[in-house]
């Protein structure tokens, strides 16, 4: 079973998964690109991080992104869907802001 997470609860839930997550964007070729970043989350569920030039360019062209946290001790992962915006032009360390509209703690995979 999976559990919905309200955006305003995202920071407290994400704390159980650690300070880093994967940001998934889509490149010009339609393929998923993944970067591992340190994330900061405010009390409204807005995520801020620094991404590289490629992820920033992808977010400008296709702002729908996914943020994925590795499983916590209980085996549940955390997945958030959001809309990204970048600050300035894509560069090596580009600030990205992701407004989360949906998040879920996803059940562990059966083994």
C-alpha atoms as a PDB file:
ATOM      1  CA  UNK A   1       0.000   0.000   0.000  1.00  0.00           C
ATOM      2  CA  UNK A   2       1.138   3.547  -0.745  1.00  0.00           C
ATOM      3  CA  UNK A   3       0.300   6.705   1.188  1.00  0.00           C
ATOM      4  CA  UNK A   4      -0.381  10.188  -0.169  1.00  0.00           C
ATOM      5  CA  UNK A   5       1.750  12.985   1.271  1.00  0.00           C
ATOM      6  CA  UNK A   6       0.366  16.512   1.310  1.00  0.00           C
ATOM      7  CA  UNK A   7       2.814  19.164   0.059  1.00  0.00           C
ATOM      8  CA  UNK A   8       2.824  20.926   3.443  1.00  0.00           C
ATOM      9  CA  UNK A   9       3.930  17.619   5.058  1.00  0.00           C
ATOM     10  CA  UNK A  10       6.650  16.885   2.501  1.00  0.00           C
ATOM     11  CA  UNK A  11       9.558  18.387   4.474  1.00  0.00           C
ATOM     12  CA  UNK A  12       8.857  16.333   7.602  1.00  0.00           C
ATOM     13  CA  UNK A  13       8.294  13.122   5.640  1.00  0.00           C
ATOM     14  CA  UNK A  14      11.391  13.687   3.474  1.00  0.00           C
ATOM     15  CA  UNK A  15      13.503  14.152   6.614  1.00  0.00           C
ATOM     16  CA  UNK A  16      13.137  10.409   7.200  1.00  0.00           C
ATOM     17  CA  UNK A  17      14.688   9.756   3.783  1.00  0.00           C
ATOM     18  CA  UNK A  18      17.742  11.974   4.177  1.00  0.00           C
ATOM     19  CA  UNK A  19      18.905  15.287   2.716  1.00  0.00           C
ATOM     20  CA  UNK A  20      19.401  14.120  -0.879  1.00  0.00           C
ATOM     21  CA  UNK A  21      17.106  12.978  -3.668  1.00  0.00           C
ATOM     22  CA  UNK A  22      17.086  12.260  -7.381  1.00  0.00           C
ATOM     23  CA  UNK A  23      15.561  14.807  -9.767  1.00  0.00           C
ATOM     24  CA  UNK A  24      14.228  13.254 -12.970  1.00  0.00           C
ATOM     25  CA  UNK A  25      13.855  15.398 -16.080  1.00  0.00           C
ATOM     26  CA  UNK A  26      13.274  14.558 -19.732  1.00  0.00           C
ATOM     27  CA  UNK A  27      15.835  15.390 -22.427  1.00  0.00           C
ATOM     28  CA  UNK A  28      15.268  16.557 -25.989  1.00  0.00           C
ATOM     29  CA  UNK A  29      15.460  12.932 -27.130  1.00  0.00           C
ATOM     30  CA  UNK A  30      12.581  11.937 -24.824  1.00  0.00           C
ATOM     31  CA  UNK A  31      14.817   9.977 -22.466  1.00  0.00           C
ATOM     32  CA  UNK A  32      14.769  10.398 -18.710  1.00  0.00           C
ATOM     33  CA  UNK A  33      17.771  12.122 -17.150  1.00  0.00           C
ATOM     34  CA  UNK A  34      18.507  11.691 -13.445  1.00  0.00           C
ATOM     35  CA  UNK A  35      20.643  13.836 -11.155  1.00  0.00           C
ATOM     36  CA  UNK A  36      21.367  13.324  -7.467  1.00  0.00           C
ATOM     37  CA  UNK A  37      21.125  16.541  -5.440  1.00  0.00           C
ATOM     38  CA  UNK A  38      20.863  17.945  -1.924  1.00  0.00           C
ATOM     39  CA  UNK A  39      17.320  19.232  -1.459  1.00  0.00           C
ATOM     40  CA  UNK A  40      15.806  21.888   0.755  1.00  0.00           C
ATOM     41  CA  UNK A  41      12.031  21.849   1.270  1.00  0.00           C
ATOM     42  CA  UNK A  42       9.959  24.672   2.713  1.00  0.00           C
ATOM     43  CA  UNK A  43       6.766  24.321   4.742  1.00  0.00           C
ATOM     44  CA  UNK A  44       4.622  24.542   1.597  1.00  0.00           C
ATOM     45  CA  UNK A  45       6.383  21.609  -0.081  1.00  0.00           C
ATOM     46  CA  UNK A  46       8.467  23.704  -2.461  1.00  0.00           C
ATOM     47  CA  UNK A  47      11.784  22.001  -3.210  1.00  0.00           C
ATOM     48  CA  UNK A  48      14.966  23.919  -3.915  1.00  0.00           C
ATOM     49  CA  UNK A  49      18.220  22.421  -5.176  1.00  0.00           C
ATOM     50  CA  UNK A  50      21.168  23.053  -7.458  1.00  0.00           C
ATOM     51  CA  UNK A  51      21.269  21.122 -10.729  1.00  0.00           C
ATOM     52  CA  UNK A  52      23.657  21.052 -13.660  1.00  0.00           C
ATOM     53  CA  UNK A  53      23.286  22.657 -17.053  1.00  0.00           C
ATOM     54  CA  UNK A  54      21.587  19.635 -18.675  1.00  0.00           C
ATOM     55  CA  UNK A  55      18.932  19.138 -16.002  1.00  0.00           C
ATOM     56  CA  UNK A  56      18.262  22.889 -15.944  1.00  0.00           C
ATOM     57  CA  UNK A  57      17.825  23.034 -19.733  1.00  0.00           C
ATOM     58  CA  UNK A  58      15.512  20.023 -19.594  1.00  0.00           C
ATOM     59  CA  UNK A  59      13.423  21.700 -16.877  1.00  0.00           C
ATOM     60  CA  UNK A  60      13.089  24.865 -18.946  1.00  0.00           C
ATOM     61  CA  UNK A  61      11.919  22.901 -21.993  1.00  0.00           C
ATOM     62  CA  UNK A  62       9.763  20.402 -20.052  1.00  0.00           C
ATOM     63  CA  UNK A  63       9.026  21.683 -16.529  1.00  0.00           C
ATOM     64  CA  UNK A  64       7.137  18.603 -15.290  1.00  0.00           C
ATOM     65  CA  UNK A  65       9.666  16.748 -13.130  1.00  0.00           C
ATOM     66  CA  UNK A  66       9.783  13.964 -10.564  1.00  0.00           C
ATOM     67  CA  UNK A  67      11.781  13.936  -7.337  1.00  0.00           C
ATOM     68  CA  UNK A  68      12.601  10.526  -5.868  1.00  0.00           C
ATOM     69  CA  UNK A  69      14.040   9.734  -2.450  1.00  0.00           C
ATOM     70  CA  UNK A  70      15.680   6.379  -1.713  1.00  0.00           C
ATOM     71  CA  UNK A  71      13.797   4.077   0.645  1.00  0.00           C
ATOM     72  CA  UNK A  72      13.734   4.969   4.319  1.00  0.00           C
ATOM     73  CA  UNK A  73      14.432   2.407   7.038  1.00  0.00           C
ATOM     74  CA  UNK A  74      10.874   1.055   6.686  1.00  0.00           C
ATOM     75  CA  UNK A  75      11.447   0.331   2.974  1.00  0.00           C
ATOM     76  CA  UNK A  76       9.076   3.013   1.671  1.00  0.00           C
ATOM     77  CA  UNK A  77      10.427   5.386  -0.977  1.00  0.00           C
ATOM     78  CA  UNK A  78       9.136   8.923  -1.460  1.00  0.00           C
ATOM     79  CA  UNK A  79       8.080  10.225  -4.871  1.00  0.00           C
ATOM     80  CA  UNK A  80       6.991  13.801  -5.625  1.00  0.00           C
ATOM     81  CA  UNK A  81       5.619  15.213  -8.883  1.00  0.00           C
ATOM     82  CA  UNK A  82       6.086  18.895  -9.504  1.00  0.00           C
ATOM     83  CA  UNK A  83       6.624  21.784 -11.859  1.00  0.00           C
ATOM     84  CA  UNK A  84      10.149  23.177 -12.069  1.00  0.00           C
ATOM     85  CA  UNK A  85      11.484  26.651 -12.686  1.00  0.00           C
ATOM     86  CA  UNK A  86      15.108  27.718 -12.816  1.00  0.00           C
ATOM     87  CA  UNK A  87      16.772  30.920 -11.706  1.00  0.00           C
ATOM     88  CA  UNK A  88      18.650  32.432 -14.648  1.00  0.00           C
ATOM     89  CA  UNK A  89      20.195  30.608 -17.582  1.00  0.00           C
ATOM     90  CA  UNK A  90      21.219  26.925 -17.369  1.00  0.00           C
ATOM     91  CA  UNK A  91      24.777  26.639 -16.048  1.00  0.00           C
ATOM     92  CA  UNK A  92      26.884  24.278 -13.954  1.00  0.00           C
ATOM     93  CA  UNK A  93      25.131  25.000 -10.638  1.00  0.00           C
ATOM     94  CA  UNK A  94      21.679  26.255 -11.526  1.00  0.00           C
ATOM     95  CA  UNK A  95      19.153  26.929  -8.751  1.00  0.00           C
ATOM     96  CA  UNK A  96      15.948  25.012  -9.439  1.00  0.00           C
ATOM     97  CA  UNK A  97      12.627  25.425  -7.653  1.00  0.00           C
ATOM     98  CA  UNK A  98      10.061  22.635  -7.836  1.00  0.00           C
ATOM     99  CA  UNK A  99       6.478  23.291  -6.803  1.00  0.00           C
ATOM    100  CA  UNK A 100       5.129  19.915  -5.736  1.00  0.00           C
ATOM    101  CA  UNK A 101       1.524  19.115  -6.613  1.00  0.00           C
ATOM    102  CA  UNK A 102       1.487  15.410  -5.676  1.00  0.00           C
ATOM    103  CA  UNK A 103       3.599  13.148  -3.473  1.00  0.00           C
ATOM    104  CA  UNK A 104       3.405   9.585  -2.222  1.00  0.00           C
ATOM    105  CA  UNK A 105       5.295   7.231   0.063  1.00  0.00           C
ATOM    106  CA  UNK A 106       5.519   4.163  -2.159  1.00  0.00           C
ATOM    107  CA  UNK A 107       5.408   0.665  -0.718  1.00  0.00           C
ATOM    108  CA  UNK A 108       8.502  -1.543  -0.828  1.00  0.00           C
ATOM    109  CA  UNK A 109       8.820  -3.870  -3.797  1.00  0.00           C
ATOM    110  CA  UNK A 110       7.958  -7.497  -3.048  1.00  0.00           C
ATOM    111  CA  UNK A 111      10.997  -9.754  -2.965  1.00  0.00           C
END
